[in-house]
N, C-alpha and C. Protein backbone atom coordinates (compact mmCIF):
# COMPACT_ATOMS: atom_id res chain seq x y z
N MET A 1 11.44 81.12 11.93
CA MET A 1 11.98 79.83 11.59
C MET A 1 13.31 80.06 10.90
N SER A 2 14.32 79.35 11.32
CA SER A 2 15.63 79.57 10.74
C SER A 2 15.82 78.74 9.49
N SER A 3 16.71 79.18 8.70
CA SER A 3 17.02 78.51 7.44
C SER A 3 17.89 77.30 7.72
N PRO A 4 17.70 76.18 7.00
CA PRO A 4 18.53 75.00 7.24
C PRO A 4 20.00 75.26 6.92
N THR A 5 20.30 76.24 6.11
CA THR A 5 21.70 76.51 5.79
C THR A 5 22.45 77.09 6.98
N LEU A 6 21.74 77.71 7.91
CA LEU A 6 22.40 78.25 9.09
C LEU A 6 22.77 77.16 10.08
N LEU A 7 22.14 76.02 10.00
CA LEU A 7 22.35 74.96 10.96
C LEU A 7 23.32 73.90 10.48
N THR A 8 23.79 73.98 9.27
CA THR A 8 24.69 72.95 8.76
C THR A 8 26.06 73.13 9.38
N PRO A 9 26.71 72.03 9.74
CA PRO A 9 28.03 72.13 10.37
C PRO A 9 29.07 72.57 9.35
N THR A 10 30.12 73.19 9.86
CA THR A 10 31.21 73.60 8.98
C THR A 10 32.24 72.50 8.94
N SER A 11 33.06 72.51 7.92
CA SER A 11 34.07 71.46 7.78
C SER A 11 35.26 71.72 8.69
N LYS A 12 35.49 72.95 9.10
CA LYS A 12 36.64 73.28 9.94
C LYS A 12 36.16 73.43 11.39
N LEU A 13 36.69 72.61 12.26
CA LEU A 13 36.30 72.66 13.66
C LEU A 13 37.16 73.68 14.40
N LYS A 14 36.55 74.39 15.32
CA LYS A 14 37.28 75.35 16.13
C LYS A 14 37.81 74.63 17.37
N PRO A 15 39.01 74.99 17.80
CA PRO A 15 39.53 74.34 19.02
C PRO A 15 38.75 74.83 20.24
N LEU A 16 38.52 73.91 21.16
CA LEU A 16 37.83 74.25 22.39
C LEU A 16 38.79 74.93 23.36
N LEU A 17 38.29 75.87 24.09
CA LEU A 17 39.12 76.54 25.08
C LEU A 17 39.28 75.63 26.29
N PRO A 18 40.48 75.58 26.85
CA PRO A 18 40.65 74.74 28.04
C PRO A 18 39.91 75.36 29.23
N VAL A 19 39.50 74.51 30.14
CA VAL A 19 38.78 74.97 31.31
C VAL A 19 39.77 75.64 32.26
N LYS A 20 39.40 76.79 32.76
CA LYS A 20 40.26 77.55 33.67
C LYS A 20 40.18 76.92 35.06
N PRO A 21 41.30 76.72 35.70
CA PRO A 21 41.22 76.18 37.06
C PRO A 21 40.66 77.24 38.02
N LYS A 22 39.98 76.76 39.05
CA LYS A 22 39.34 77.65 40.01
C LYS A 22 40.35 78.25 41.00
N THR A 23 41.45 77.59 41.19
CA THR A 23 42.42 78.09 42.17
C THR A 23 43.23 79.21 41.57
N THR A 24 43.63 80.10 42.41
CA THR A 24 44.47 81.20 41.96
C THR A 24 45.91 80.83 42.22
N SER A 25 46.75 81.20 41.32
CA SER A 25 48.17 80.91 41.50
C SER A 25 48.96 82.13 41.05
N ALA A 26 50.22 82.12 41.35
CA ALA A 26 51.09 83.23 40.99
C ALA A 26 51.51 83.13 39.53
N VAL A 27 51.24 82.00 38.91
CA VAL A 27 51.63 81.81 37.53
C VAL A 27 50.61 82.52 36.65
N PRO A 28 51.07 83.33 35.70
CA PRO A 28 50.10 84.01 34.82
C PRO A 28 49.37 82.99 33.95
N PRO A 29 48.15 83.29 33.58
CA PRO A 29 47.40 82.34 32.75
C PRO A 29 48.07 82.17 31.39
N PRO A 30 47.93 80.98 30.82
CA PRO A 30 48.56 80.75 29.52
C PRO A 30 47.91 81.65 28.47
N SER A 31 48.70 82.06 27.51
CA SER A 31 48.14 82.89 26.43
C SER A 31 47.59 81.96 25.35
N TYR A 32 46.46 82.31 24.84
CA TYR A 32 45.79 81.50 23.83
C TYR A 32 45.98 82.15 22.47
N PRO A 33 45.93 81.34 21.42
CA PRO A 33 46.02 81.94 20.09
C PRO A 33 44.80 82.82 19.85
N PRO A 34 44.94 83.85 19.04
CA PRO A 34 43.79 84.74 18.79
C PRO A 34 42.64 83.96 18.15
N GLN A 35 41.45 84.20 18.67
CA GLN A 35 40.25 83.53 18.18
C GLN A 35 39.58 84.38 17.12
N LEU A 36 38.81 83.72 16.27
CA LEU A 36 38.01 84.45 15.30
C LEU A 36 36.92 85.20 16.03
N HIS A 37 36.52 86.30 15.49
CA HIS A 37 35.49 87.13 16.12
C HIS A 37 34.16 86.38 16.12
N GLN A 38 33.60 86.19 17.29
CA GLN A 38 32.29 85.56 17.41
C GLN A 38 31.23 86.64 17.23
N PRO A 39 30.20 86.38 16.42
CA PRO A 39 29.16 87.41 16.24
C PRO A 39 28.36 87.60 17.52
N SER A 40 27.97 88.82 17.77
CA SER A 40 27.15 89.11 18.94
C SER A 40 25.72 88.66 18.69
N ARG A 41 24.94 88.65 19.74
CA ARG A 41 23.55 88.24 19.62
C ARG A 41 22.79 89.16 18.67
N ARG A 42 23.08 90.46 18.73
CA ARG A 42 22.42 91.42 17.86
C ARG A 42 22.75 91.13 16.40
N GLN A 43 24.01 90.84 16.11
CA GLN A 43 24.40 90.53 14.73
C GLN A 43 23.73 89.24 14.26
N LEU A 44 23.67 88.26 15.15
CA LEU A 44 23.05 86.98 14.79
C LEU A 44 21.56 87.18 14.51
N LEU A 45 20.88 87.96 15.35
CA LEU A 45 19.46 88.21 15.12
C LEU A 45 19.23 89.02 13.85
N SER A 46 20.12 89.97 13.57
CA SER A 46 20.00 90.74 12.33
C SER A 46 20.17 89.85 11.12
N LEU A 47 21.16 88.98 11.18
CA LEU A 47 21.39 88.05 10.07
C LEU A 47 20.20 87.12 9.89
N THR A 48 19.65 86.64 10.99
CA THR A 48 18.48 85.76 10.92
C THR A 48 17.28 86.50 10.33
N ALA A 49 17.08 87.75 10.74
CA ALA A 49 15.95 88.53 10.21
C ALA A 49 16.10 88.77 8.72
N VAL A 50 17.30 89.11 8.28
CA VAL A 50 17.53 89.34 6.85
C VAL A 50 17.32 88.06 6.06
N THR A 51 17.85 86.95 6.57
CA THR A 51 17.70 85.67 5.88
C THR A 51 16.25 85.26 5.79
N SER A 52 15.50 85.41 6.88
CA SER A 52 14.09 85.01 6.84
C SER A 52 13.29 85.94 5.94
N THR A 53 13.63 87.22 5.92
CA THR A 53 12.93 88.15 5.02
C THR A 53 13.18 87.80 3.57
N LEU A 54 14.41 87.48 3.25
CA LEU A 54 14.73 87.11 1.87
C LEU A 54 14.06 85.80 1.48
N SER A 55 14.00 84.84 2.41
CA SER A 55 13.35 83.58 2.07
C SER A 55 11.84 83.75 1.98
N LEU A 56 11.25 84.64 2.80
CA LEU A 56 9.82 84.89 2.71
C LEU A 56 9.46 85.64 1.44
N SER A 57 10.35 86.53 1.00
CA SER A 57 10.06 87.27 -0.22
C SER A 57 10.02 86.35 -1.43
N SER A 58 10.74 85.24 -1.36
CA SER A 58 10.68 84.29 -2.46
C SER A 58 9.38 83.48 -2.43
N LEU A 59 8.71 83.45 -1.27
CA LEU A 59 7.46 82.71 -1.15
C LEU A 59 6.23 83.56 -1.45
N LEU A 60 6.37 84.88 -1.46
CA LEU A 60 5.23 85.74 -1.69
C LEU A 60 4.71 85.57 -3.11
N PRO A 61 3.40 85.67 -3.28
CA PRO A 61 2.85 85.45 -4.61
C PRO A 61 3.23 86.58 -5.56
N VAL A 62 3.83 86.20 -6.62
CA VAL A 62 4.18 87.12 -7.69
C VAL A 62 3.39 86.67 -8.90
N THR A 63 2.83 87.61 -9.62
CA THR A 63 2.03 87.23 -10.77
C THR A 63 2.93 86.67 -11.84
N PRO A 64 2.94 85.34 -11.98
CA PRO A 64 3.78 84.76 -13.01
C PRO A 64 3.20 85.04 -14.38
N PRO A 65 4.00 84.88 -15.42
CA PRO A 65 3.52 85.16 -16.77
C PRO A 65 2.30 84.34 -17.16
N ALA A 66 2.16 83.12 -16.62
CA ALA A 66 1.00 82.30 -16.96
C ALA A 66 -0.29 82.96 -16.47
N PHE A 67 -0.27 83.50 -15.24
CA PHE A 67 -1.46 84.17 -14.72
C PHE A 67 -1.72 85.46 -15.47
N ALA A 68 -0.66 86.17 -15.83
CA ALA A 68 -0.83 87.41 -16.58
C ALA A 68 -1.44 87.13 -17.95
N ALA A 69 -1.00 86.04 -18.58
CA ALA A 69 -1.58 85.67 -19.88
C ALA A 69 -3.04 85.28 -19.72
N ALA A 70 -3.36 84.56 -18.63
CA ALA A 70 -4.75 84.18 -18.38
C ALA A 70 -5.60 85.42 -18.12
N ASP A 71 -5.03 86.40 -17.43
CA ASP A 71 -5.76 87.64 -17.16
C ASP A 71 -6.00 88.41 -18.45
N GLU A 72 -5.00 88.46 -19.32
CA GLU A 72 -5.18 89.12 -20.62
C GLU A 72 -6.25 88.41 -21.44
N GLU A 73 -6.26 87.09 -21.36
CA GLU A 73 -7.26 86.31 -22.09
C GLU A 73 -8.66 86.61 -21.55
N TYR A 74 -8.79 86.69 -20.21
CA TYR A 74 -10.07 87.02 -19.59
C TYR A 74 -10.56 88.39 -20.05
N VAL A 75 -9.67 89.37 -20.05
CA VAL A 75 -10.05 90.73 -20.46
C VAL A 75 -10.49 90.74 -21.92
N LYS A 76 -9.75 90.05 -22.77
CA LYS A 76 -10.07 90.03 -24.20
C LYS A 76 -11.41 89.34 -24.45
N GLU A 77 -11.60 88.16 -23.85
CA GLU A 77 -12.85 87.43 -24.06
C GLU A 77 -14.04 88.16 -23.45
N THR A 78 -13.84 88.82 -22.33
CA THR A 78 -14.92 89.58 -21.71
C THR A 78 -15.32 90.76 -22.59
N SER A 79 -14.34 91.46 -23.12
CA SER A 79 -14.68 92.58 -24.01
C SER A 79 -15.34 92.09 -25.29
N ASP A 80 -14.95 90.91 -25.78
CA ASP A 80 -15.62 90.34 -26.96
C ASP A 80 -17.09 90.03 -26.66
N VAL A 81 -17.35 89.46 -25.47
CA VAL A 81 -18.73 89.14 -25.09
C VAL A 81 -19.54 90.42 -24.93
N ILE A 82 -18.96 91.44 -24.32
CA ILE A 82 -19.67 92.71 -24.15
C ILE A 82 -20.01 93.32 -25.51
N ASN A 83 -19.06 93.30 -26.43
CA ASN A 83 -19.32 93.83 -27.78
C ASN A 83 -20.41 93.04 -28.49
N LYS A 84 -20.42 91.72 -28.27
CA LYS A 84 -21.45 90.87 -28.88
C LYS A 84 -22.82 91.22 -28.31
N VAL A 85 -22.90 91.42 -27.00
CA VAL A 85 -24.18 91.80 -26.37
C VAL A 85 -24.64 93.15 -26.92
N ARG A 86 -23.75 94.12 -26.99
CA ARG A 86 -24.12 95.45 -27.49
C ARG A 86 -24.61 95.39 -28.93
N SER A 87 -23.88 94.66 -29.77
CA SER A 87 -24.29 94.60 -31.18
C SER A 87 -25.62 93.87 -31.35
N THR A 88 -25.86 92.84 -30.54
CA THR A 88 -27.13 92.11 -30.63
C THR A 88 -28.29 92.96 -30.13
N ILE A 89 -28.10 93.65 -29.03
CA ILE A 89 -29.16 94.49 -28.47
C ILE A 89 -29.49 95.65 -29.41
N ASN A 90 -28.48 96.21 -30.06
CA ASN A 90 -28.68 97.37 -30.93
C ASN A 90 -29.18 97.01 -32.33
N MET A 91 -29.34 95.73 -32.61
CA MET A 91 -29.84 95.34 -33.93
C MET A 91 -31.30 95.74 -34.08
N ASP A 92 -31.69 96.03 -35.28
CA ASP A 92 -33.08 96.33 -35.58
C ASP A 92 -33.90 95.05 -35.39
N LYS A 93 -35.03 95.16 -34.71
CA LYS A 93 -35.84 93.97 -34.42
C LYS A 93 -36.48 93.39 -35.68
N ASN A 94 -36.55 94.15 -36.75
CA ASN A 94 -37.10 93.65 -38.01
C ASN A 94 -36.03 93.00 -38.89
N ASP A 95 -34.78 93.04 -38.46
CA ASP A 95 -33.68 92.44 -39.22
C ASP A 95 -33.87 90.91 -39.23
N PRO A 96 -33.74 90.27 -40.39
CA PRO A 96 -33.92 88.82 -40.44
C PRO A 96 -32.82 88.04 -39.72
N ASN A 97 -31.70 88.67 -39.41
CA ASN A 97 -30.58 87.98 -38.74
C ASN A 97 -30.62 88.08 -37.22
N VAL A 98 -31.70 88.65 -36.67
CA VAL A 98 -31.79 88.83 -35.22
C VAL A 98 -31.79 87.48 -34.51
N ALA A 99 -32.56 86.53 -34.99
CA ALA A 99 -32.65 85.22 -34.34
C ALA A 99 -31.29 84.52 -34.34
N THR A 100 -30.57 84.63 -35.45
CA THR A 100 -29.23 84.02 -35.53
C THR A 100 -28.26 84.71 -34.58
N ALA A 101 -28.33 86.04 -34.52
CA ALA A 101 -27.45 86.80 -33.63
C ALA A 101 -27.74 86.48 -32.16
N VAL A 102 -29.02 86.31 -31.81
CA VAL A 102 -29.37 85.96 -30.43
C VAL A 102 -28.88 84.56 -30.10
N ALA A 103 -29.00 83.62 -31.03
CA ALA A 103 -28.50 82.26 -30.80
C ALA A 103 -26.98 82.27 -30.62
N GLU A 104 -26.28 83.05 -31.44
CA GLU A 104 -24.82 83.16 -31.29
C GLU A 104 -24.45 83.81 -29.96
N LEU A 105 -25.23 84.82 -29.57
CA LEU A 105 -24.98 85.48 -28.28
C LEU A 105 -25.17 84.51 -27.13
N ARG A 106 -26.20 83.70 -27.19
CA ARG A 106 -26.43 82.71 -26.13
C ARG A 106 -25.29 81.71 -26.07
N ASP A 107 -24.81 81.25 -27.23
CA ASP A 107 -23.68 80.31 -27.25
C ASP A 107 -22.42 80.96 -26.68
N THR A 108 -22.16 82.19 -27.09
CA THR A 108 -20.97 82.90 -26.62
C THR A 108 -21.04 83.14 -25.12
N SER A 109 -22.19 83.60 -24.64
CA SER A 109 -22.32 83.87 -23.20
C SER A 109 -22.27 82.58 -22.38
N ASN A 110 -22.87 81.50 -22.90
CA ASN A 110 -22.80 80.22 -22.18
C ASN A 110 -21.37 79.72 -22.08
N SER A 111 -20.60 79.84 -23.16
CA SER A 111 -19.21 79.38 -23.11
C SER A 111 -18.37 80.27 -22.19
N TRP A 112 -18.63 81.59 -22.17
CA TRP A 112 -17.91 82.50 -21.28
C TRP A 112 -18.20 82.15 -19.82
N VAL A 113 -19.48 81.95 -19.51
CA VAL A 113 -19.86 81.62 -18.13
C VAL A 113 -19.28 80.27 -17.73
N ALA A 114 -19.35 79.28 -18.61
CA ALA A 114 -18.83 77.96 -18.29
C ALA A 114 -17.32 77.99 -18.06
N LYS A 115 -16.63 78.84 -18.79
CA LYS A 115 -15.18 78.91 -18.67
C LYS A 115 -14.73 79.63 -17.40
N TYR A 116 -15.38 80.73 -17.06
CA TYR A 116 -14.85 81.60 -16.00
C TYR A 116 -15.56 81.47 -14.65
N ARG A 117 -16.68 80.80 -14.55
CA ARG A 117 -17.34 80.75 -13.23
C ARG A 117 -16.62 79.82 -12.27
N ARG A 118 -15.76 78.94 -12.76
CA ARG A 118 -15.01 78.04 -11.88
C ARG A 118 -13.67 78.63 -11.44
N GLU A 119 -13.31 79.79 -11.98
CA GLU A 119 -12.04 80.43 -11.63
C GLU A 119 -12.19 81.16 -10.30
N LYS A 120 -11.57 80.64 -9.27
CA LYS A 120 -11.70 81.24 -7.94
C LYS A 120 -11.09 82.64 -7.88
N SER A 121 -10.07 82.89 -8.68
CA SER A 121 -9.44 84.21 -8.67
C SER A 121 -10.34 85.28 -9.27
N LEU A 122 -11.31 84.89 -10.09
CA LEU A 122 -12.19 85.86 -10.73
C LEU A 122 -13.48 86.08 -9.95
N LEU A 123 -13.84 85.16 -9.07
CA LEU A 123 -15.12 85.27 -8.38
C LEU A 123 -15.23 86.53 -7.53
N GLY A 124 -14.13 87.03 -7.02
CA GLY A 124 -14.16 88.23 -6.19
C GLY A 124 -14.15 89.53 -6.97
N ARG A 125 -13.91 89.46 -8.25
CA ARG A 125 -13.85 90.68 -9.06
C ARG A 125 -15.24 91.24 -9.33
N ALA A 126 -15.35 92.54 -9.21
CA ALA A 126 -16.63 93.19 -9.50
C ALA A 126 -16.97 93.06 -10.98
N SER A 127 -15.97 93.12 -11.84
CA SER A 127 -16.22 93.01 -13.28
C SER A 127 -16.83 91.65 -13.62
N PHE A 128 -16.34 90.59 -12.98
CA PHE A 128 -16.88 89.27 -13.26
C PHE A 128 -18.34 89.19 -12.82
N ARG A 129 -18.63 89.65 -11.61
CA ARG A 129 -20.01 89.58 -11.10
C ARG A 129 -20.97 90.38 -11.97
N GLU A 130 -20.55 91.57 -12.37
CA GLU A 130 -21.44 92.42 -13.17
C GLU A 130 -21.67 91.84 -14.56
N ILE A 131 -20.63 91.34 -15.20
CA ILE A 131 -20.78 90.75 -16.53
C ILE A 131 -21.62 89.48 -16.44
N TYR A 132 -21.36 88.67 -15.42
CA TYR A 132 -22.14 87.44 -15.23
C TYR A 132 -23.62 87.78 -15.06
N SER A 133 -23.91 88.78 -14.25
CA SER A 133 -25.29 89.19 -14.01
C SER A 133 -25.94 89.72 -15.28
N ALA A 134 -25.20 90.53 -16.03
CA ALA A 134 -25.75 91.09 -17.28
C ALA A 134 -26.01 89.99 -18.31
N LEU A 135 -25.08 89.06 -18.45
CA LEU A 135 -25.28 87.96 -19.39
C LEU A 135 -26.47 87.11 -18.99
N ASN A 136 -26.62 86.88 -17.70
CA ASN A 136 -27.75 86.10 -17.20
C ASN A 136 -29.07 86.82 -17.50
N ALA A 137 -29.10 88.13 -17.28
CA ALA A 137 -30.33 88.90 -17.52
C ALA A 137 -30.69 88.93 -19.01
N VAL A 138 -29.70 89.17 -19.87
CA VAL A 138 -29.97 89.24 -21.31
C VAL A 138 -30.39 87.88 -21.85
N SER A 139 -29.70 86.83 -21.44
CA SER A 139 -30.07 85.49 -21.90
C SER A 139 -31.46 85.10 -21.40
N GLY A 140 -31.74 85.42 -20.14
CA GLY A 140 -33.06 85.13 -19.59
C GLY A 140 -34.16 85.88 -20.32
N HIS A 141 -33.90 87.12 -20.70
CA HIS A 141 -34.88 87.91 -21.44
C HIS A 141 -35.16 87.26 -22.80
N TYR A 142 -34.11 86.92 -23.53
CA TYR A 142 -34.30 86.33 -24.85
C TYR A 142 -34.95 84.95 -24.77
N ILE A 143 -34.66 84.19 -23.71
CA ILE A 143 -35.30 82.88 -23.55
C ILE A 143 -36.79 83.06 -23.26
N SER A 144 -37.12 84.01 -22.39
CA SER A 144 -38.52 84.20 -21.99
C SER A 144 -39.37 84.89 -23.05
N PHE A 145 -38.83 85.93 -23.70
CA PHE A 145 -39.66 86.75 -24.58
C PHE A 145 -39.33 86.63 -26.06
N GLY A 146 -38.30 85.90 -26.40
CA GLY A 146 -37.94 85.73 -27.81
C GLY A 146 -36.97 86.79 -28.29
N PRO A 147 -36.41 86.59 -29.48
CA PRO A 147 -35.35 87.49 -29.97
C PRO A 147 -35.84 88.85 -30.43
N THR A 148 -37.13 89.01 -30.67
CA THR A 148 -37.61 90.30 -31.19
C THR A 148 -38.22 91.20 -30.12
N ALA A 149 -38.37 90.70 -28.89
CA ALA A 149 -38.94 91.53 -27.81
C ALA A 149 -37.93 92.57 -27.37
N PRO A 150 -38.37 93.83 -27.18
CA PRO A 150 -37.43 94.87 -26.75
C PRO A 150 -36.97 94.64 -25.30
N ILE A 151 -35.75 94.97 -25.04
CA ILE A 151 -35.20 94.83 -23.68
C ILE A 151 -35.61 96.06 -22.88
N PRO A 152 -36.18 95.87 -21.68
CA PRO A 152 -36.60 97.03 -20.87
C PRO A 152 -35.39 97.88 -20.46
N ALA A 153 -35.66 99.11 -20.10
CA ALA A 153 -34.60 100.07 -19.76
C ALA A 153 -33.81 99.65 -18.54
N LYS A 154 -34.44 99.06 -17.57
CA LYS A 154 -33.73 98.66 -16.36
C LYS A 154 -33.32 97.27 -16.50
């Protein structure tokens, strides 16, 4: 597809060449003023290819700073949730704060899942699927067996 800038008319019109008569005569043909160099087909195609490549490169997805900031936020919040899961699992089951820690973990994991499960860019990531699965398993365990039940090895 060509760029609209290549199709815009120029302000300076070129003079048209007069039509050559078909008859031959002894009179030499009139001399014409020198014309500007017309680009060859190869040059025109090269120019078109370069122009289309440059215009396509501007359309290619580049990670804008907003997406990079969102990605940094995802990484930070995910590592916070992982640390919360580890600290809750490693707590002593006789600790009086276990129930509070499990409730906080459930709130944190629910907010993480609610925030990131609608992000289409994250659904394909292995990290998202694995964290989502782990949070689901840990929350399901605490809901089913209570905050003091040990988590099985698998």
